[in-house]
Structure formats: structure tokens, C-alpha cells
C-alpha atoms as a PDB file:
ATOM      1  CA  MET A   1     -67.404  83.840  -9.310  1.00  0.00           C
ATOM      2  CA  LYS A   2     -69.574  85.850  -6.913  1.00  0.00           C
ATOM      3  CA  ILE A   3     -72.554  85.204  -9.104  1.00  0.00           C
ATOM      4  CA  LEU A   4     -71.895  81.467  -9.084  1.00  0.00           C
ATOM      5  CA  ILE A   5     -71.418  81.428  -5.335  1.00  0.00           C
ATOM      6  CA  GLU A   6     -74.716  83.195  -4.782  1.00  0.00           C
ATOM      7  CA  LEU A   7     -76.644  81.065  -7.275  1.00  0.00           C
ATOM      8  CA  GLN A   8     -75.427  77.916  -5.471  1.00  0.00           C
ATOM      9  CA  LYS A   9     -77.015  79.213  -2.286  1.00  0.00           C
ATOM     10  CA  ASN A  10     -80.295  80.024  -3.931  1.00  0.00           C
ATOM     11  CA  GLY A  11     -80.831  79.353  -7.646  1.00  0.00           C
ATOM     12  CA  ARG A  12     -84.370  80.719  -7.417  1.00  0.00           C
ATOM     13  CA  MET A  13     -83.421  84.250  -6.345  1.00  0.00           C
ATOM     14  CA  THR A  14     -84.551  87.053  -8.614  1.00  0.00           C
ATOM     15  CA  ASN A  15     -82.005  88.790 -10.823  1.00  0.00           C
ATOM     16  CA  VAL A  16     -82.446  91.972  -8.806  1.00  0.00           C
ATOM     17  CA  THR A  17     -81.618  90.181  -5.568  1.00  0.00           C
ATOM     18  CA  LEU A  18     -78.654  88.476  -7.199  1.00  0.00           C
ATOM     19  CA  ALA A  19     -77.387  91.758  -8.616  1.00  0.00           C
ATOM     20  CA  ASP A  20     -77.585  93.392  -5.174  1.00  0.00           C
ATOM     21  CA  ALA A  21     -75.734  90.433  -3.589  1.00  0.00           C
ATOM     22  CA  VAL A  22     -72.846  90.655  -6.062  1.00  0.00           C
ATOM     23  CA  GLY A  23     -72.654  94.466  -6.340  1.00  0.00           C
ATOM     24  CA  LEU A  24     -73.876  94.858  -9.951  1.00  0.00           C
ATOM     25  CA  SER A  25     -76.859  96.510 -11.535  1.00  0.00           C
ATOM     26  CA  ALA A  26     -79.552  94.166 -12.791  1.00  0.00           C
ATOM     27  CA  SER A  27     -78.947  94.362 -16.517  1.00  0.00           C
ATOM     28  CA  PRO A  28     -75.168  93.475 -16.483  1.00  0.00           C
ATOM     29  CA  CYS A  29     -75.849  90.786 -13.906  1.00  0.00           C
ATOM     30  CA  LEU A  30     -78.422  89.154 -16.120  1.00  0.00           C
ATOM     31  CA  LEU A  31     -76.082  89.278 -19.093  1.00  0.00           C
ATOM     32  CA  ARG A  32     -73.316  87.598 -17.138  1.00  0.00           C
ATOM     33  CA  VAL A  33     -75.644  84.843 -15.905  1.00  0.00           C
ATOM     34  CA  LYS A  34     -76.855  84.207 -19.505  1.00  0.00           C
ATOM     35  CA  ARG A  35     -73.239  84.143 -20.786  1.00  0.00           C
ATOM     36  CA  MET A  36     -72.276  81.607 -18.085  1.00  0.00           C
ATOM     37  CA  GLU A  37     -75.309  79.466 -18.953  1.00  0.00           C
ATOM     38  CA  GLN A  38     -74.472  79.517 -22.616  1.00  0.00           C
ATOM     39  CA  ALA A  39     -70.747  78.759 -21.914  1.00  0.00           C
ATOM     40  CA  GLY A  40     -71.739  75.742 -19.789  1.00  0.00           C
ATOM     41  CA  TYR A  41     -70.530  77.111 -16.423  1.00  0.00           C
ATOM     42  CA  ILE A  42     -74.151  76.878 -15.172  1.00  0.00           C
ATOM     43  CA  THR A  43     -75.552  73.517 -16.186  1.00  0.00           C
ATOM     44  CA  GLY A  44     -78.984  73.705 -14.550  1.00  0.00           C
ATOM     45  CA  TYR A  45     -81.155  74.617 -11.629  1.00  0.00           C
ATOM     46  CA  GLY A  46     -82.940  72.222  -9.345  1.00  0.00           C
ATOM     47  CA  ALA A  47     -84.567  71.459  -5.968  1.00  0.00           C
ATOM     48  CA  HIS A  48     -83.016  69.683  -3.059  1.00  0.00           C
ATOM     49  CA  ILE A  49     -85.365  66.867  -2.040  1.00  0.00           C
ATOM     50  CA  ALA A  50     -85.847  65.685   1.591  1.00  0.00           C
ATOM     51  CA  LEU A  51     -85.783  61.997   0.688  1.00  0.00           C
ATOM     52  CA  PRO A  52     -86.703  60.696   4.126  1.00  0.00           C
ATOM     53  CA  LYS A  53     -90.009  62.637   3.964  1.00  0.00           C
ATOM     54  CA  LEU A  54     -90.935  60.560   0.883  1.00  0.00           C
ATOM     55  CA  GLY A  55     -90.168  57.147   2.430  1.00  0.00           C
ATOM     56  CA  GLU A  56     -87.499  54.686   3.376  1.00  0.00           C
ATOM     57  CA  THR A  57     -84.457  54.342   1.130  1.00  0.00           C
ATOM     58  CA  VAL A  58     -80.989  52.845   1.292  1.00  0.00           C
ATOM     59  CA  THR A  59     -77.840  54.434  -0.089  1.00  0.00           C
ATOM     60  CA  VAL A  60     -75.104  52.028  -1.095  1.00  0.00           C
ATOM     61  CA  PHE A  61     -71.629  52.818  -2.421  1.00  0.00           C
ATOM     62  CA  THR A  62     -70.327  50.004  -4.589  1.00  0.00           C
ATOM     63  CA  GLU A  63     -66.810  49.388  -5.810  1.00  0.00           C
ATOM     64  CA  PHE A  64     -66.573  47.697  -9.200  1.00  0.00           C
ATOM     65  CA  THR A  65     -63.551  46.070 -10.782  1.00  0.00           C
ATOM     66  CA  LEU A  66     -63.824  45.270 -14.478  1.00  0.00           C
ATOM     67  CA  ASN A  67     -62.432  42.194 -16.290  1.00  0.00           C
ATOM     68  CA  GLY A  68     -60.430  44.394 -18.661  1.00  0.00           C
ATOM     69  CA  HIS A  69     -59.092  47.876 -18.810  1.00  0.00           C
ATOM     70  CA  THR A  70     -59.549  48.862 -22.448  1.00  0.00           C
ATOM     71  CA  PRO A  71     -61.756  51.732 -23.560  1.00  0.00           C
ATOM     72  CA  GLU A  72     -64.312  49.188 -24.737  1.00  0.00           C
ATOM     73  CA  TYR A  73     -64.708  47.724 -21.209  1.00  0.00           C
ATOM     74  CA  PHE A  74     -65.127  51.167 -19.651  1.00  0.00           C
ATOM     75  CA  GLN A  75     -67.590  52.295 -22.345  1.00  0.00           C
ATOM     76  CA  ARG A  76     -69.744  49.174 -22.069  1.00  0.00           C
ATOM     77  CA  PHE A  77     -69.904  49.436 -18.256  1.00  0.00           C
ATOM     78  CA  GLU A  78     -70.690  53.170 -18.303  1.00  0.00           C
ATOM     79  CA  GLN A  79     -73.457  52.716 -20.879  1.00  0.00           C
ATOM     80  CA  ALA A  80     -75.027  50.081 -18.657  1.00  0.00           C
ATOM     81  CA  LEU A  81     -74.786  52.296 -15.592  1.00  0.00           C
ATOM     82  CA  ARG A  82     -76.431  55.262 -17.391  1.00  0.00           C
ATOM     83  CA  LYS A  83     -79.516  53.096 -17.905  1.00  0.00           C
ATOM     84  CA  ILE A  84     -79.928  52.377 -14.210  1.00  0.00           C
ATOM     85  CA  ASP A  85     -81.999  55.102 -12.504  1.00  0.00           C
ATOM     86  CA  GLU A  86     -80.843  54.012  -9.035  1.00  0.00           C
ATOM     87  CA  ALA A  87     -77.147  54.663  -9.960  1.00  0.00           C
ATOM     88  CA  ILE A  88     -76.992  58.367  -9.168  1.00  0.00           C
ATOM     89  CA  GLU A  89     -73.203  58.910  -9.243  1.00  0.00           C
ATOM     90  CA  GLY A  90     -70.415  57.036 -10.888  1.00  0.00           C
ATOM     91  CA  HIS A  91     -66.701  57.738 -10.610  1.00  0.00           C
ATOM     92  CA  VAL A  92     -63.647  56.262 -12.313  1.00  0.00           C
ATOM     93  CA  VAL A  93     -61.101  56.004  -9.526  1.00  0.00           C
ATOM     94  CA  SER A  94     -57.475  55.036  -9.042  1.00  0.00           C
ATOM     95  CA  GLY A  95     -56.493  52.392  -6.569  1.00  0.00           C
ATOM     96  CA  GLY A  96     -57.671  48.846  -6.017  1.00  0.00           C
ATOM     97  CA  TYR A  97     -60.847  49.034  -8.133  1.00  0.00           C
ATOM     98  CA  ASP A  98     -62.094  50.818 -11.256  1.00  0.00           C
ATOM     99  CA  TYR A  99     -65.394  52.519 -10.325  1.00  0.00           C
ATOM    100  CA  LEU A 100     -67.124  53.853  -7.264  1.00  0.00           C
ATOM    101  CA  VAL A 101     -70.873  54.066  -7.775  1.00  0.00           C
ATOM    102  CA  LYS A 102     -73.544  55.546  -5.512  1.00  0.00           C
ATOM    103  CA  PHE A 103     -76.942  53.806  -5.615  1.00  0.00           C
ATOM    104  CA  VAL A 104     -80.154  54.894  -3.911  1.00  0.00           C
ATOM    105  CA  THR A 105     -82.780  52.166  -3.665  1.00  0.00           C
ATOM    106  CA  ARG A 106     -85.989  51.326  -1.813  1.00  0.00           C
ATOM    107  CA  GLY A 107     -84.128  48.826   0.352  1.00  0.00           C
ATOM    108  CA  LEU A 108     -81.498  46.163   0.380  1.00  0.00           C
ATOM    109  CA  SER A 109     -83.572  43.681  -1.607  1.00  0.00           C
ATOM    110  CA  HIS A 110     -84.166  46.346  -4.287  1.00  0.00           C
ATOM    111  CA  TYR A 111     -80.442  47.078  -4.316  1.00  0.00           C
ATOM    112  CA  GLN A 112     -79.735  43.354  -4.810  1.00  0.00           C
ATOM    113  CA  GLU A 113     -82.214  43.238  -7.689  1.00  0.00           C
ATOM    114  CA  VAL A 114     -80.391  46.181  -9.318  1.00  0.00           C
ATOM    115  CA  ILE A 115     -76.998  44.560  -8.953  1.00  0.00           C
ATOM    116  CA  GLU A 116     -78.182  41.153 -10.187  1.00  0.00           C
ATOM    117  CA  ALA A 117     -79.753  42.766 -13.265  1.00  0.00           C
ATOM    118  CA  LEU A 118     -76.501  44.581 -13.940  1.00  0.00           C
ATOM    119  CA  LEU A 119     -74.479  41.326 -13.530  1.00  0.00           C
ATOM    120  CA  GLU A 120     -76.887  39.528 -15.898  1.00  0.00           C
ATOM    121  CA  ARG A 121     -76.133  42.097 -18.597  1.00  0.00           C
ATOM    122  CA  ASN A 122     -72.567  40.759 -18.775  1.00  0.00           C
ATOM    123  CA  VAL A 123     -70.915  44.201 -18.986  1.00  0.00           C
ATOM    124  CA  GLY A 124     -67.484  43.008 -17.837  1.00  0.00           C
ATOM    125  CA  ILE A 125     -67.693  43.131 -14.051  1.00  0.00           C
ATOM    126  CA  ALA A 126     -65.007  41.000 -12.437  1.00  0.00           C
ATOM    127  CA  LYS A 127     -66.034  41.749  -8.865  1.00  0.00           C
ATOM    128  CA  TYR A 128     -67.931  44.248  -6.736  1.00  0.00           C
ATOM    129  CA  PHE A 129     -68.074  45.204  -3.098  1.00  0.00           C
ATOM    130  CA  SER A 130     -70.890  47.064  -1.380  1.00  0.00           C
ATOM    131  CA  TYR A 131     -70.861  49.627   1.454  1.00  0.00           C
ATOM    132  CA  ILE A 132     -74.297  50.311   2.973  1.00  0.00           C
ATOM    133  CA  VAL A 133     -74.685  53.791   4.341  1.00  0.00           C
ATOM    134  CA  LEU A 134     -75.963  53.730   7.945  1.00  0.00           C
ATOM    135  CA  ARG A 135     -76.322  57.506   8.286  1.00  0.00           C
ATOM    136  CA  THR A 136     -75.172  60.606   6.463  1.00  0.00           C
ATOM    137  CA  PRO A 137     -73.937  63.265   8.952  1.00  0.00           C
ATOM    138  CA  ILE A 138     -72.636  65.624   6.322  1.00  0.00           C
ATOM    139  CA  VAL A 139     -74.285  66.759   3.081  1.00  0.00           C
ATOM    140  CA  LYS A 140     -73.119  69.826   1.284  1.00  0.00           C
ATOM    141  CA  THR A 141     -74.919  71.150  -1.729  1.00  0.00           C
ATOM    142  CA  GLU A 142     -72.552  74.057  -2.423  1.00  0.00           C
ATOM    143  CA  LEU A 143     -69.085  73.658  -3.853  1.00  0.00           C
ATOM    144  CA  PRO A 144     -66.403  75.733  -2.092  1.00  0.00           C
ATOM    145  CA  LEU A 145     -65.868  77.937  -5.144  1.00  0.00           C
ATOM    146  CA  ALA A 146     -64.279  80.806  -3.301  1.00  0.00           C
ATOM    147  CA  THR A 147     -61.748  78.457  -1.638  1.00  0.00           C
ATOM    148  CA  LEU A 148     -61.010  76.642  -4.867  1.00  0.00           C
ATOM    149  CA  PHE A 149     -60.855  79.530  -7.229  1.00  0.00           C
ATOM    150  CA  GLY A 150     -61.097  82.761  -5.313  1.00  0.00           C
ATOM    151  CA  GLU A 151     -64.071  85.141  -5.451  1.00  0.00           C
ATOM    152  CA  GLU A 152     -62.602  87.481  -8.096  1.00  0.00           C
ATOM    153  CA  ARG A 153     -61.742  84.939 -10.750  1.00  0.00           C
END
């Protein structure tokens, strides 16, 4: 768990730095990291991008309700969403609608183009409702692993 906590903070740290941070020697630390990668606990490494430095974007959360609730409806909708680059998160949720999807687009007209293209594909959408993000005061890139699972797990 300590290894995962440290790698979340800085996935580019050297193995020696990681080993020091978690109280292991370099060789056993590297073996544990490799085992966690092979077992699927570590699914990748990446960079956090400062999107505003690249240009203007709009983030929109969209609720979708499907026409039906069989596995075929869900599968068809999810397959369509996977093909949309601007759909960066999709969640099946309980409550008054079926999916909550996060879109990032160049602007509102681009978002509308994405939605219209999705609707034209006839993937079983009964209705949708959009929430435009005005600002994002909290962004966390690290999961609270120690709180959720304890450091010694």
C-alpha cells in the first residue's frame, strides 16, 4: 500500500527514491512494483495536463436515461460512448437516470455537435440533461488509499 501511495504522488520517481520512501531496499521494491503491475493493481503511468494552458474548453456532465434497461441497451450505449473521444468518464448510476457522463469539448457548440451525433446513432437514449461546469475548485489526482484500505494492507 505504501508503494501505491507514493507512486500516486509521483509515478516518475526512481526505484531508489521509491524504496527509500517506503522503507525497502531497491531490489525488493522493484519486484513488488513489477508484481503489482502484472497483477493489475497498477494500470499505467501518465502526466497531468494543465488544460487551460492549451486553450479554452468546456466540461459538461450529462445525465442519460435509456429507453430500456436490458443488457443490450446498456451495451449498445456504452459501445457508442467508447467511440467518443470527448466522453472522458462514464458511470452507471442509481437514481433517476442511468448514466452520468463527463465530456470535455472545445466549447458549447462542439458539445452540442457531440450530443447530436450521439443521438443520431440511435443508441437508445430516452432523454438527457446537461450540467455545464462553471469552475472546478477541487481536483484530486490521488485516491485516499491509506484512508480506504490502511497503509499496511
